[in-house]
Amino acid sequence: MFGLFKKKKPLGKSEEEKRAEALSLTKKVQFMPIKISEVEQLLDADNRAVLEFEPVNYYATKNSYLLCVFYYEPDYSEIYMRFEYRVDDLARSKSRFYPIDKLLMRDILRKFGVNIKIDN
C-alpha cells in the first residue's frame, strides 16, 4: 500500500533532450490538435511540414491543442522544437526533439504574427 505513493523514477533522457533543455531560451506556440504519431510521421518526412499546421489561439481552444516548444540560443545558432498534445493544459503525449534552422523558426513564428530578427 505504501508503495502506491512512491514517486516514479524518470526514464533516462537522451543526449539530444539534455542538450535542448539546457539551451537558454524557450518560446511556445499552439496549433490545432493533431495526434503526436501523425506529427512525427509528417516531420520525419519533411520538417517544413509544420508550416501546414493550423495555428490556434490558446484562449479559444484551451481544452485540446498541440503545443510547440522551441528551445534555442539567443543568436539562433542552435534550435530544437518539440510538440506536446495537451488536453485541459495537461500533456498527454510528446514528440521527440527536432533540430531546426533559424529560417524555419522564423517562418513558423510568422504564422503567429511574431517577427524575429535573424542575420544571414
PDB file of N, CA and C in Angstrom:
ATOM      1  N   MET A   1       0.817  -1.195   0.000  1.00  0.00           N
ATOM      2  CA  MET A   1       0.000   0.000   0.000  1.00  0.00           C
ATOM      3  C   MET A   1       0.858   1.255   0.000  1.00  0.00           C
ATOM      4  N   PHE A   2       1.937   1.252   0.802  1.00  0.00           N
ATOM      5  CA  PHE A   2       2.758   2.452   0.874  1.00  0.00           C
ATOM      6  C   PHE A   2       3.544   2.683  -0.410  1.00  0.00           C
ATOM      7  N   GLY A   3       3.745   1.639  -1.179  1.00  0.00           N
ATOM      8  CA  GLY A   3       4.433   1.775  -2.465  1.00  0.00           C
ATOM      9  C   GLY A   3       3.590   2.520  -3.489  1.00  0.00           C
ATOM     10  N   LEU A   4       2.304   2.643  -3.214  1.00  0.00           N
ATOM     11  CA  LEU A   4       1.389   3.324  -4.121  1.00  0.00           C
ATOM     12  C   LEU A   4       1.755   4.797  -4.297  1.00  0.00           C
ATOM     13  N   PHE A   5       2.288   5.418  -3.228  1.00  0.00           N
ATOM     14  CA  PHE A   5       2.561   6.845  -3.260  1.00  0.00           C
ATOM     15  C   PHE A   5       4.011   7.176  -3.589  1.00  0.00           C
ATOM     16  N   LYS A   6       4.800   6.170  -3.932  1.00  0.00           N
ATOM     17  CA  LYS A   6       6.192   6.419  -4.289  1.00  0.00           C
ATOM     18  C   LYS A   6       6.262   7.156  -5.613  1.00  0.00           C
ATOM     19  N   LYS A   7       7.220   8.043  -5.714  1.00  0.00           N
ATOM     20  CA  LYS A   7       7.423   8.741  -6.980  1.00  0.00           C
ATOM     21  C   LYS A   7       8.137   7.805  -7.939  1.00  0.00           C
ATOM     22  N   LYS A   8       7.718   7.837  -9.164  1.00  0.00           N
ATOM     23  CA  LYS A   8       8.360   7.008 -10.175  1.00  0.00           C
ATOM     24  C   LYS A   8       9.665   7.662 -10.604  1.00  0.00           C
ATOM     25  N   LYS A   9      10.654   6.851 -10.834  1.00  0.00           N
ATOM     26  CA  LYS A   9      11.929   7.374 -11.305  1.00  0.00           C
ATOM     27  C   LYS A   9      11.783   7.723 -12.779  1.00  0.00           C
ATOM     28  N   PRO A  10      12.227   8.915 -13.168  1.00  0.00           N
ATOM     29  CA  PRO A  10      12.118   9.280 -14.574  1.00  0.00           C
ATOM     30  C   PRO A  10      13.064   8.436 -15.419  1.00  0.00           C
ATOM     31  N   LEU A  11      12.633   8.164 -16.617  1.00  0.00           N
ATOM     32  CA  LEU A  11      13.490   7.434 -17.543  1.00  0.00           C
ATOM     33  C   LEU A  11      14.651   8.319 -17.940  1.00  0.00           C
ATOM     34  N   GLY A  12      15.746   7.708 -18.282  1.00  0.00           N
ATOM     35  CA  GLY A  12      16.920   8.475 -18.687  1.00  0.00           C
ATOM     36  C   GLY A  12      16.656   9.281 -19.955  1.00  0.00           C
ATOM     37  N   LYS A  13      17.180  10.486 -19.985  1.00  0.00           N
ATOM     38  CA  LYS A  13      16.994  11.349 -21.141  1.00  0.00           C
ATOM     39  C   LYS A  13      18.134  11.134 -22.126  1.00  0.00           C
ATOM     40  N   SER A  14      17.826  11.306 -23.401  1.00  0.00           N
ATOM     41  CA  SER A  14      18.848  11.186 -24.430  1.00  0.00           C
ATOM     42  C   SER A  14      19.744  12.422 -24.388  1.00  0.00           C
ATOM     43  N   GLU A  15      20.857  12.326 -25.047  1.00  0.00           N
ATOM     44  CA  GLU A  15      21.779  13.462 -25.102  1.00  0.00           C
ATOM     45  C   GLU A  15      21.127  14.651 -25.805  1.00  0.00           C
ATOM     46  N   GLU A  16      20.324  14.369 -26.822  1.00  0.00           N
ATOM     47  CA  GLU A  16      19.634  15.445 -27.547  1.00  0.00           C
ATOM     48  C   GLU A  16      18.646  16.166 -26.631  1.00  0.00           C
ATOM     49  N   GLU A  17      17.919  15.425 -25.809  1.00  0.00           N
ATOM     50  CA  GLU A  17      16.979  16.030 -24.857  1.00  0.00           C
ATOM     51  C   GLU A  17      17.709  16.885 -23.834  1.00  0.00           C
ATOM     52  N   LYS A  18      18.800  16.353 -23.296  1.00  0.00           N
ATOM     53  CA  LYS A  18      19.579  17.117 -22.327  1.00  0.00           C
ATOM     54  C   LYS A  18      20.113  18.398 -22.937  1.00  0.00           C
ATOM     55  N   ARG A  19      20.609  18.313 -24.163  1.00  0.00           N
ATOM     56  CA  ARG A  19      21.170  19.488 -24.843  1.00  0.00           C
ATOM     57  C   ARG A  19      20.082  20.531 -25.090  1.00  0.00           C
ATOM     58  N   ALA A  20      18.933  20.099 -25.594  1.00  0.00           N
ATOM     59  CA  ALA A  20      17.844  21.037 -25.896  1.00  0.00           C
ATOM     60  C   ALA A  20      17.346  21.730 -24.629  1.00  0.00           C
ATOM     61  N   GLU A  21      17.167  20.974 -23.565  1.00  0.00           N
ATOM     62  CA  GLU A  21      16.647  21.554 -22.325  1.00  0.00           C
ATOM     63  C   GLU A  21      17.668  22.447 -21.628  1.00  0.00           C
ATOM     64  N   ALA A  22      18.938  22.326 -22.016  1.00  0.00           N
ATOM     65  CA  ALA A  22      19.983  23.174 -21.428  1.00  0.00           C
ATOM     66  C   ALA A  22      20.096  24.523 -22.144  1.00  0.00           C
ATOM     67  N   LEU A  23      19.442  24.663 -23.297  1.00  0.00           N
ATOM     68  CA  LEU A  23      19.515  25.934 -24.018  1.00  0.00           C
ATOM     69  C   LEU A  23      18.811  27.026 -23.216  1.00  0.00           C
ATOM     70  N   SER A  24      19.240  28.262 -23.431  1.00  0.00           N
ATOM     71  CA  SER A  24      18.846  29.336 -22.521  1.00  0.00           C
ATOM     72  C   SER A  24      17.440  29.914 -22.728  1.00  0.00           C
ATOM     73  N   LEU A  25      16.855  29.806 -23.908  1.00  0.00           N
ATOM     74  CA  LEU A  25      15.550  30.431 -24.158  1.00  0.00           C
ATOM     75  C   LEU A  25      14.528  29.422 -24.668  1.00  0.00           C
ATOM     76  N   THR A  26      13.246  29.721 -24.397  1.00  0.00           N
ATOM     77  CA  THR A  26      12.149  28.917 -24.937  1.00  0.00           C
ATOM     78  C   THR A  26      11.072  29.852 -25.484  1.00  0.00           C
ATOM     79  N   LYS A  27      10.308  29.340 -26.412  1.00  0.00           N
ATOM     80  CA  LYS A  27       9.175  30.061 -26.990  1.00  0.00           C
ATOM     81  C   LYS A  27       8.100  29.026 -27.252  1.00  0.00           C
ATOM     82  N   LYS A  28       6.848  29.349 -26.959  1.00  0.00           N
ATOM     83  CA  LYS A  28       5.746  28.404 -27.127  1.00  0.00           C
ATOM     84  C   LYS A  28       4.685  28.977 -28.054  1.00  0.00           C
ATOM     85  N   VAL A  29       4.189  28.115 -28.944  1.00  0.00           N
ATOM     86  CA  VAL A  29       3.076  28.469 -29.822  1.00  0.00           C
ATOM     87  C   VAL A  29       2.128  27.268 -29.875  1.00  0.00           C
ATOM     88  N   GLN A  30       0.880  27.512 -30.255  1.00  0.00           N
ATOM     89  CA  GLN A  30      -0.125  26.452 -30.258  1.00  0.00           C
ATOM     90  C   GLN A  30      -0.701  26.257 -31.653  1.00  0.00           C
ATOM     91  N   PHE A  31      -1.006  24.990 -31.950  1.00  0.00           N
ATOM     92  CA  PHE A  31      -1.644  24.620 -33.207  1.00  0.00           C
ATOM     93  C   PHE A  31      -2.905  23.827 -32.909  1.00  0.00           C
ATOM     94  N   MET A  32      -3.741  23.664 -33.939  1.00  0.00           N
ATOM     95  CA  MET A  32      -4.920  22.813 -33.816  1.00  0.00           C
ATOM     96  C   MET A  32      -4.457  21.414 -33.437  1.00  0.00           C
ATOM     97  N   PRO A  33      -5.241  20.679 -32.657  1.00  0.00           N
ATOM     98  CA  PRO A  33      -4.801  19.364 -32.179  1.00  0.00           C
ATOM     99  C   PRO A  33      -4.604  18.349 -33.311  1.00  0.00           C
ATOM    100  N   ILE A  34      -3.483  17.667 -33.236  1.00  0.00           N
ATOM    101  CA  ILE A  34      -3.133  16.576 -34.142  1.00  0.00           C
ATOM    102  C   ILE A  34      -2.470  15.507 -33.277  1.00  0.00           C
ATOM    103  N   LYS A  35      -2.696  14.247 -33.589  1.00  0.00           N
ATOM    104  CA  LYS A  35      -2.055  13.171 -32.836  1.00  0.00           C
ATOM    105  C   LYS A  35      -0.544  13.247 -33.007  1.00  0.00           C
ATOM    106  N   ILE A  36       0.189  12.962 -31.942  1.00  0.00           N
ATOM    107  CA  ILE A  36       1.647  13.019 -31.974  1.00  0.00           C
ATOM    108  C   ILE A  36       2.207  12.050 -33.005  1.00  0.00           C
ATOM    109  N   SER A  37       1.595  10.895 -33.169  1.00  0.00           N
ATOM    110  CA  SER A  37       2.079   9.936 -34.160  1.00  0.00           C
ATOM    111  C   SER A  37       2.016  10.527 -35.569  1.00  0.00           C
ATOM    112  N   GLU A  38       0.959  11.279 -35.872  1.00  0.00           N
ATOM    113  CA  GLU A  38       0.840  11.937 -37.172  1.00  0.00           C
ATOM    114  C   GLU A  38       1.871  13.054 -37.313  1.00  0.00           C
ATOM    115  N   VAL A  39       2.077  13.809 -36.240  1.00  0.00           N
ATOM    116  CA  VAL A  39       3.061  14.892 -36.250  1.00  0.00           C
ATOM    117  C   VAL A  39       4.445  14.333 -36.553  1.00  0.00           C
ATOM    118  N   GLU A  40       4.825  13.277 -35.851  1.00  0.00           N
ATOM    119  CA  GLU A  40       6.152  12.694 -36.065  1.00  0.00           C
ATOM    120  C   GLU A  40       6.297  12.121 -37.463  1.00  0.00           C
ATOM    121  N   GLN A  41       5.255  11.510 -37.971  1.00  0.00           N
ATOM    122  CA  GLN A  41       5.302  10.959 -39.328  1.00  0.00           C
ATOM    123  C   GLN A  41       5.523  12.076 -40.346  1.00  0.00           C
ATOM    124  N   LEU A  42       4.806  13.177 -40.207  1.00  0.00           N
ATOM    125  CA  LEU A  42       4.961  14.304 -41.126  1.00  0.00           C
ATOM    126  C   LEU A  42       6.340  14.953 -41.013  1.00  0.00           C
ATOM    127  N   LEU A  43       6.799  15.156 -39.783  1.00  0.00           N
ATOM    128  CA  LEU A  43       8.078  15.823 -39.581  1.00  0.00           C
ATOM    129  C   LEU A  43       9.266  14.939 -39.949  1.00  0.00           C
ATOM    130  N   ASP A  44       9.115  13.625 -39.819  1.00  0.00           N
ATOM    131  CA  ASP A  44      10.183  12.720 -40.243  1.00  0.00           C
ATOM    132  C   ASP A  44      10.361  12.773 -41.759  1.00  0.00           C
ATOM    133  N   ALA A  45       9.263  12.950 -42.486  1.00  0.00           N
ATOM    134  CA  ALA A  45       9.338  13.062 -43.941  1.00  0.00           C
ATOM    135  C   ALA A  45       9.931  14.407 -44.353  1.00  0.00           C
ATOM    136  N   ASP A  46       9.480  15.494 -43.702  1.00  0.00           N
ATOM    137  CA  ASP A  46       9.974  16.839 -44.006  1.00  0.00           C
ATOM    138  C   ASP A  46       9.623  17.750 -42.836  1.00  0.00           C
ATOM    139  N   ASN A  47      10.645  18.307 -42.177  1.00  0.00           N
ATOM    140  CA  ASN A  47      10.342  19.128 -41.006  1.00  0.00           C
ATOM    141  C   ASN A  47       9.660  20.450 -41.361  1.00  0.00           C
ATOM    142  N   ARG A  48       9.635  20.824 -42.635  1.00  0.00           N
ATOM    143  CA  ARG A  48       8.888  22.019 -43.052  1.00  0.00           C
ATOM    144  C   ARG A  48       7.380  21.758 -43.111  1.00  0.00           C
ATOM    145  N   ALA A  49       6.963  20.518 -42.867  1.00  0.00           N
ATOM    146  CA  ALA A  49       5.532  20.186 -42.836  1.00  0.00           C
ATOM    147  C   ALA A  49       4.825  20.943 -41.720  1.00  0.00           C
ATOM    148  N   VAL A  50       5.571  21.388 -40.727  1.00  0.00           N
ATOM    149  CA  VAL A  50       4.977  22.150 -39.622  1.00  0.00           C
ATOM    150  C   VAL A  50       4.327  23.434 -40.143  1.00  0.00           C
ATOM    151  N   LEU A  51       4.774  23.925 -41.268  1.00  0.00           N
ATOM    152  CA  LEU A  51       4.191  25.147 -41.836  1.00  0.00           C
ATOM    153  C   LEU A  51       2.765  24.918 -42.329  1.00  0.00           C
ATOM    154  N   GLU A  52       2.364  23.662 -42.471  1.00  0.00           N
ATOM    155  CA  GLU A  52       0.996  23.335 -42.888  1.00  0.00           C
ATOM    156  C   GLU A  52       0.052  23.202 -41.693  1.00  0.00           C
ATOM    157  N   PHE A  53       0.583  23.144 -40.486  1.00  0.00           N
ATOM    158  CA  PHE A  53      -0.255  23.038 -39.292  1.00  0.00           C
ATOM    159  C   PHE A  53      -1.013  24.346 -39.101  1.00  0.00           C
ATOM    160  N   GLU A  54      -2.240  24.234 -38.603  1.00  0.00           N
ATOM    161  CA  GLU A  54      -3.094  25.412 -38.434  1.00  0.00           C
ATOM    162  C   GLU A  54      -2.884  26.044 -37.056  1.00  0.00           C
ATOM    163  N   PRO A  55      -2.446  27.310 -37.018  1.00  0.00           N
ATOM    164  CA  PRO A  55      -2.271  27.989 -35.735  1.00  0.00           C
ATOM    165  C   PRO A  55      -3.612  28.151 -35.020  1.00  0.00           C
ATOM    166  N   VAL A  56      -3.545  28.225 -33.700  1.00  0.00           N
ATOM    167  CA  VAL A  56      -4.771  28.382 -32.927  1.00  0.00           C
ATOM    168  C   VAL A  56      -4.490  29.342 -31.777  1.00  0.00           C
ATOM    169  N   ASN A  57      -5.520  30.039 -31.367  1.00  0.00           N
ATOM    170  CA  ASN A  57      -5.429  30.922 -30.213  1.00  0.00           C
ATOM    171  C   ASN A  57      -5.640  30.089 -28.958  1.00  0.00           C
ATOM    172  N   TYR A  58      -4.657  30.088 -28.075  1.00  0.00           N
ATOM    173  CA  TYR A  58      -4.720  29.298 -26.845  1.00  0.00           C
ATOM    174  C   TYR A  58      -5.997  29.567 -26.068  1.00  0.00           C
ATOM    175  N   TYR A  59      -6.394  30.799 -25.945  1.00  0.00           N
ATOM    176  CA  TYR A  59      -7.561  31.150 -25.135  1.00  0.00           C
ATOM    177  C   TYR A  59      -8.873  30.694 -25.768  1.00  0.00           C
ATOM    178  N   ALA A  60      -8.868  30.451 -27.071  1.00  0.00           N
ATOM    179  CA  ALA A  60     -10.080  29.998 -27.736  1.00  0.00           C
ATOM    180  C   ALA A  60     -10.261  28.481 -27.621  1.00  0.00           C
ATOM    181  N   THR A  61      -9.152  27.742 -27.549  1.00  0.00           N
ATOM    182  CA  THR A  61      -9.254  26.278 -27.526  1.00  0.00           C
ATOM    183  C   THR A  61      -8.366  25.683 -26.448  1.00  0.00           C
ATOM    184  N   LYS A  62      -8.570  26.066 -25.226  1.00  0.00           N
ATOM    185  CA  LYS A  62      -7.771  25.559 -24.109  1.00  0.00           C
ATOM    186  C   LYS A  62      -7.943  24.067 -23.879  1.00  0.00           C
ATOM    187  N   ASN A  63      -9.099  23.525 -24.227  1.00  0.00           N
ATOM    188  CA  ASN A  63      -9.381  22.144 -23.863  1.00  0.00           C
ATOM    189  C   ASN A  63      -8.534  21.124 -24.625  1.00  0.00           C
ATOM    190  N   SER A  64      -8.078  21.428 -25.847  1.00  0.00           N
ATOM    191  CA  SER A  64      -7.272  20.489 -26.614  1.00  0.00           C
ATOM    192  C   SER A  64      -6.481  21.249 -27.670  1.00  0.00           C
ATOM    193  N   TYR A  65      -5.165  21.074 -27.668  1.00  0.00           N
ATOM    194  CA  TYR A  65      -4.323  21.750 -28.652  1.00  0.00           C
ATOM    195  C   TYR A  65      -2.966  21.073 -28.744  1.00  0.00           C
ATOM    196  N   LEU A  66      -2.219  21.429 -29.763  1.00  0.00           N
ATOM    197  CA  LEU A  66      -0.872  20.930 -29.971  1.00  0.00           C
ATOM    198  C   LEU A  66       0.091  22.060 -29.635  1.00  0.00           C
ATOM    199  N   LEU A  67       0.891  21.855 -28.612  1.00  0.00           N
ATOM    200  CA  LEU A  67       1.840  22.872 -28.167  1.00  0.00           C
ATOM    201  C   LEU A  67       3.188  22.609 -28.824  1.00  0.00           C
ATOM    202  N   CYS A  68       3.770  23.642 -29.403  1.00  0.00           N
ATOM    203  CA  CYS A  68       5.115  23.560 -29.967  1.00  0.00           C
ATOM    204  C   CYS A  68       6.031  24.408 -29.088  1.00  0.00           C
ATOM    205  N   VAL A  69       7.068  23.793 -28.558  1.00  0.00           N
ATOM    206  CA  VAL A  69       8.023  24.494 -27.703  1.00  0.00           C
ATOM    207  C   VAL A  69       9.362  24.554 -28.431  1.00  0.00           C
ATOM    208  N   PHE A  70       9.879  25.763 -28.594  1.00  0.00           N
ATOM    209  CA  PHE A  70      11.203  25.957 -29.174  1.00  0.00           C
ATOM    210  C   PHE A  70      12.204  26.150 -28.041  1.00  0.00           C
ATOM    211  N   TYR A  71      13.318  25.481 -28.127  1.00  0.00           N
ATOM    212  CA  TYR A  71      14.447  25.664 -27.216  1.00  0.00           C
ATOM    213  C   TYR A  71      15.571  26.215 -28.081  1.00  0.00           C
ATOM    214  N   TYR A  72      16.133  27.385 -27.694  1.00  0.00           N
ATOM    215  CA  TYR A  72      17.123  27.995 -28.584  1.00  0.00           C
ATOM    216  C   TYR A  72      18.090  28.906 -27.851  1.00  0.00           C
ATOM    217  N   GLU A  73      19.167  29.221 -28.547  1.00  0.00           N
ATOM    218  CA  GLU A  73      20.166  30.169 -28.072  1.00  0.00           C
ATOM    219  C   GLU A  73      19.774  31.566 -28.541  1.00  0.00           C
ATOM    220  N   PRO A  74      20.195  32.614 -27.856  1.00  0.00           N
ATOM    221  CA  PRO A  74      19.814  33.978 -28.257  1.00  0.00           C
ATOM    222  C   PRO A  74      20.242  34.344 -29.688  1.00  0.00           C
ATOM    223  N   ASP A  75      21.313  33.754 -30.189  1.00  0.00           N
ATOM    224  CA  ASP A  75      21.758  34.060 -31.550  1.00  0.00           C
ATOM    225  C   ASP A  75      21.176  33.088 -32.588  1.00  0.00           C
ATOM    226  N   TYR A  76      20.265  32.228 -32.162  1.00  0.00           N
ATOM    227  CA  TYR A  76      19.598  31.237 -33.018  1.00  0.00           C
ATOM    228  C   TYR A  76      20.579  30.262 -33.671  1.00  0.00           C
ATOM    229  N   SER A  77      21.731  30.055 -33.058  1.00  0.00           N
ATOM    230  CA  SER A  77      22.723  29.139 -33.613  1.00  0.00           C
ATOM    231  C   SER A  77      22.317  27.676 -33.420  1.00  0.00           C
ATOM    232  N   GLU A  78      21.511  27.425 -32.418  1.00  0.00           N
ATOM    233  CA  GLU A  78      21.055  26.064 -32.144  1.00  0.00           C
ATOM    234  C   GLU A  78      19.597  26.140 -31.709  1.00  0.00           C
ATOM    235  N   ILE A  79      18.735  25.401 -32.423  1.00  0.00           N
ATOM    236  CA  ILE A  79      17.293  25.446 -32.150  1.00  0.00           C
ATOM    237  C   ILE A  79      16.734  24.026 -32.208  1.00  0.00           C
ATOM    238  N   TYR A  80      15.922  23.689 -31.232  1.00  0.00           N
ATOM    239  CA  TYR A  80      15.189  22.415 -31.217  1.00  0.00           C
ATOM    240  C   TYR A  80      13.722  22.744 -31.013  1.00  0.00           C
ATOM    241  N   MET A  81      12.858  21.916 -31.593  1.00  0.00           N
ATOM    242  CA  MET A  81      11.427  22.065 -31.320  1.00  0.00           C
ATOM    243  C   MET A  81      10.881  20.716 -30.892  1.00  0.00           C
ATOM    244  N   ARG A  82       9.864  20.784 -30.039  1.00  0.00           N
ATOM    245  CA  ARG A  82       9.197  19.585 -29.542  1.00  0.00           C
ATOM    246  C   ARG A  82       7.710  19.876 -29.481  1.00  0.00           C
ATOM    247  N   PHE A  83       6.902  18.885 -29.810  1.00  0.00           N
ATOM    248  CA  PHE A  83       5.453  19.034 -29.778  1.00  0.00           C
ATOM    249  C   PHE A  83       4.864  18.240 -28.630  1.00  0.00           C
ATOM    250  N   GLU A  84       3.818  18.807 -28.040  1.00  0.00           N
ATOM    251  CA  GLU A  84       3.080  18.139 -26.970  1.00  0.00           C
ATOM    252  C   GLU A  84       1.596  18.221 -27.295  1.00  0.00           C
ATOM    253  N   TYR A  85       0.925  17.090 -27.230  1.00  0.00           N
ATOM    254  CA  TYR A  85      -0.525  17.092 -27.356  1.00  0.00           C
ATOM    255  C   TYR A  85      -1.078  17.328 -25.963  1.00  0.00           C
ATOM    256  N   ARG A  86      -1.867  18.394 -25.792  1.00  0.00           N
ATOM    257  CA  ARG A  86      -2.358  18.775 -24.466  1.00  0.00           C
ATOM    258  C   ARG A  86      -3.879  18.769 -24.434  1.00  0.00           C
ATOM    259  N   VAL A  87      -4.397  18.267 -23.334  1.00  0.00           N
ATOM    260  CA  VAL A  87      -5.840  18.268 -23.067  1.00  0.00           C
ATOM    261  C   VAL A  87      -6.023  18.873 -21.686  1.00  0.00           C
ATOM    262  N   ASP A  88      -6.823  19.904 -21.607  1.00  0.00           N
ATOM    263  CA  ASP A  88      -7.048  20.625 -20.346  1.00  0.00           C
ATOM    264  C   ASP A  88      -5.728  21.036 -19.698  1.00  0.00           C
ATOM    265  N   ASP A  89      -4.817  21.531 -20.506  1.00  0.00           N
ATOM    266  CA  ASP A  89      -3.496  22.022 -20.091  1.00  0.00           C
ATOM    267  C   ASP A  89      -2.572  20.949 -19.517  1.00  0.00           C
ATOM    268  N   LEU A  90      -2.897  19.695 -19.695  1.00  0.00           N
ATOM    269  CA  LEU A  90      -2.022  18.610 -19.253  1.00  0.00           C
ATOM    270  C   LEU A  90      -1.465  17.885 -20.476  1.00  0.00           C
ATOM    271  N   ALA A  91      -0.169  17.626 -20.469  1.00  0.00           N
ATOM    272  CA  ALA A  91       0.460  16.927 -21.589  1.00  0.00           C
ATOM    273  C   ALA A  91      -0.002  15.475 -21.607  1.00  0.00           C
ATOM    274  N   ARG A  92      -0.520  15.038 -22.735  1.00  0.00           N
ATOM    275  CA  ARG A  92      -0.955  13.648 -22.900  1.00  0.00           C
ATOM    276  C   ARG A  92       0.113  12.831 -23.618  1.00  0.00           C
ATOM    277  N   SER A  93       0.831  13.467 -24.545  1.00  0.00           N
ATOM    278  CA  SER A  93       1.918  12.795 -25.254  1.00  0.00           C
ATOM    279  C   SER A  93       2.863  13.849 -25.803  1.00  0.00           C
ATOM    280  N   LYS A  94       4.110  13.413 -26.036  1.00  0.00           N
ATOM    281  CA  LYS A  94       5.147  14.328 -26.514  1.00  0.00           C
ATOM    282  C   LYS A  94       5.883  13.713 -27.684  1.00  0.00           C
ATOM    283  N   SER A  95       6.329  14.562 -28.573  1.00  0.00           N
ATOM    284  CA  SER A  95       7.148  14.093 -29.693  1.00  0.00           C
ATOM    285  C   SER A  95       8.612  14.093 -29.259  1.00  0.00           C
ATOM    286  N   ARG A  96       9.454  13.612 -30.129  1.00  0.00           N
ATOM    287  CA  ARG A  96      10.885  13.720 -29.880  1.00  0.00           C
ATOM    288  C   ARG A  96      11.321  15.137 -30.234  1.00  0.00           C
ATOM    289  N   PHE A  97      12.560  15.475 -29.946  1.00  0.00           N
ATOM    290  CA  PHE A  97      13.089  16.796 -30.291  1.00  0.00           C
ATOM    291  C   PHE A  97      13.521  16.800 -31.754  1.00  0.00           C
ATOM    292  N   TYR A  98      13.253  17.916 -32.432  1.00  0.00           N
ATOM    293  CA  TYR A  98      13.654  18.081 -33.826  1.00  0.00           C
ATOM    294  C   TYR A  98      14.581  19.281 -33.933  1.00  0.00           C
ATOM    295  N   PRO A  99      15.824  19.084 -34.396  1.00  0.00           N
ATOM    296  CA  PRO A  99      16.695  20.241 -34.624  1.00  0.00           C
ATOM    297  C   PRO A  99      16.228  20.961 -35.890  1.00  0.00           C
ATOM    298  N   ILE A 100      16.125  22.263 -35.812  1.00  0.00           N
ATOM    299  CA  ILE A 100      15.703  23.052 -36.977  1.00  0.00           C
ATOM    300  C   ILE A 100      16.658  24.230 -37.145  1.00  0.00           C
ATOM    301  N   ASP A 101      16.527  24.922 -38.271  1.00  0.00           N
ATOM    302  CA  ASP A 101      17.354  26.107 -38.503  1.00  0.00           C
ATOM    303  C   ASP A 101      16.543  27.367 -38.203  1.00  0.00           C
ATOM    304  N   LYS A 102      17.238  28.479 -38.170  1.00  0.00           N
ATOM    305  CA  LYS A 102      16.590  29.734 -37.788  1.00  0.00           C
ATOM    306  C   LYS A 102      15.581  30.216 -38.826  1.00  0.00           C
ATOM    307  N   LEU A 103      15.755  29.842 -40.088  1.00  0.00           N
ATOM    308  CA  LEU A 103      14.794  30.250 -41.116  1.00  0.00           C
ATOM    309  C   LEU A 103      13.450  29.557 -40.915  1.00  0.00           C
ATOM    310  N   LEU A 104      13.482  28.281 -40.559  1.00  0.00           N
ATOM    311  CA  LEU A 104      12.227  27.570 -40.301  1.00  0.00           C
ATOM    312  C   LEU A 104      11.542  28.135 -39.062  1.00  0.00           C
ATOM    313  N   MET A 105      12.308  28.418 -38.027  1.00  0.00           N
ATOM    314  CA  MET A 105      11.707  29.005 -36.821  1.00  0.00           C
ATOM    315  C   MET A 105      11.070  30.349 -37.152  1.00  0.00           C
ATOM    316  N   ARG A 106      11.753  31.149 -37.938  1.00  0.00           N
ATOM    317  CA  ARG A 106      11.204  32.450 -38.337  1.00  0.00           C
ATOM    318  C   ARG A 106       9.892  32.270 -39.085  1.00  0.00           C
ATOM    319  N   ASP A 107       9.851  31.308 -40.027  1.00  0.00           N
ATOM    320  CA  ASP A 107       8.646  31.077 -40.823  1.00  0.00           C
ATOM    321  C   ASP A 107       7.477  30.582 -39.960  1.00  0.00           C
ATOM    322  N   ILE A 108       7.771  29.736 -38.983  1.00  0.00           N
ATOM    323  CA  ILE A 108       6.717  29.241 -38.089  1.00  0.00           C
ATOM    324  C   ILE A 108       6.158  30.392 -37.249  1.00  0.00           C
ATOM    325  N   LEU A 109       7.046  31.186 -36.681  1.00  0.00           N
ATOM    326  CA  LEU A 109       6.589  32.289 -35.822  1.00  0.00           C
ATOM    327  C   LEU A 109       5.842  33.361 -36.606  1.00  0.00           C
ATOM    328  N   ARG A 110       6.156  33.525 -37.872  1.00  0.00           N
ATOM    329  CA  ARG A 110       5.418  34.497 -38.698  1.00  0.00           C
ATOM    330  C   ARG A 110       3.952  34.140 -38.805  1.00  0.00           C
ATOM    331  N   LYS A 111       3.623  32.850 -38.747  1.00  0.00           N
ATOM    332  CA  LYS A 111       2.221  32.430 -38.786  1.00  0.00           C
ATOM    333  C   LYS A 111       1.447  32.963 -37.586  1.00  0.00           C
ATOM    334  N   PHE A 112       2.167  33.303 -36.514  1.00  0.00           N
ATOM    335  CA  PHE A 112       1.552  33.820 -35.296  1.00  0.00           C
ATOM    336  C   PHE A 112       1.732  35.334 -35.165  1.00  0.00           C
ATOM    337  N   GLY A 113       2.236  35.981 -36.210  1.00  0.00           N
ATOM    338  CA  GLY A 113       2.437  37.421 -36.183  1.00  0.00           C
ATOM    339  C   GLY A 113       3.661  37.853 -35.407  1.00  0.00           C
ATOM    340  N   VAL A 114       4.601  36.934 -35.189  1.00  0.00           N
ATOM    341  CA  VAL A 114       5.825  37.239 -34.453  1.00  0.00           C
ATOM    342  C   VAL A 114       6.981  37.275 -35.442  1.00  0.00           C
ATOM    343  N   ASN A 115       7.654  38.392 -35.501  1.00  0.00           N
ATOM    344  CA  ASN A 115       8.824  38.502 -36.372  1.00  0.00           C
ATOM    345  C   ASN A 115      10.089  38.511 -35.520  1.00  0.00           C
ATOM    346  N   ILE A 116      11.028  37.673 -35.900  1.00  0.00           N
ATOM    347  CA  ILE A 116      12.309  37.653 -35.211  1.00  0.00           C
ATOM    348  C   ILE A 116      13.371  38.127 -36.184  1.00  0.00           C
ATOM    349  N   LYS A 117      14.357  38.834 -35.654  1.00  0.00           N
ATOM    350  CA  LYS A 117      15.423  39.359 -36.479  1.00  0.00           C
ATOM    351  C   LYS A 117      16.551  38.332 -36.516  1.00  0.00           C
ATOM    352  N   ILE A 118      16.842  37.858 -37.721  1.00  0.00           N
ATOM    353  CA  ILE A 118      17.943  36.915 -37.873  1.00  0.00           C
ATOM    354  C   ILE A 118      18.928  37.481 -38.873  1.00  0.00           C
ATOM    355  N   ASP A 119      20.191  37.256 -38.603  1.00  0.00           N
ATOM    356  CA  ASP A 119      21.242  37.685 -39.515  1.00  0.00           C
ATOM    357  C   ASP A 119      21.678  36.491 -40.333  1.00  0.00           C
ATOM    358  N   ASN A 120      21.682  36.662 -41.638  1.00  0.00           N
ATOM    359  CA  ASN A 120      22.070  35.536 -42.509  1.00  0.00           C
ATOM    360  C   ASN A 120      23.538  35.398 -42.610  1.00  0.00           C
TER     361      ASN A 120
END
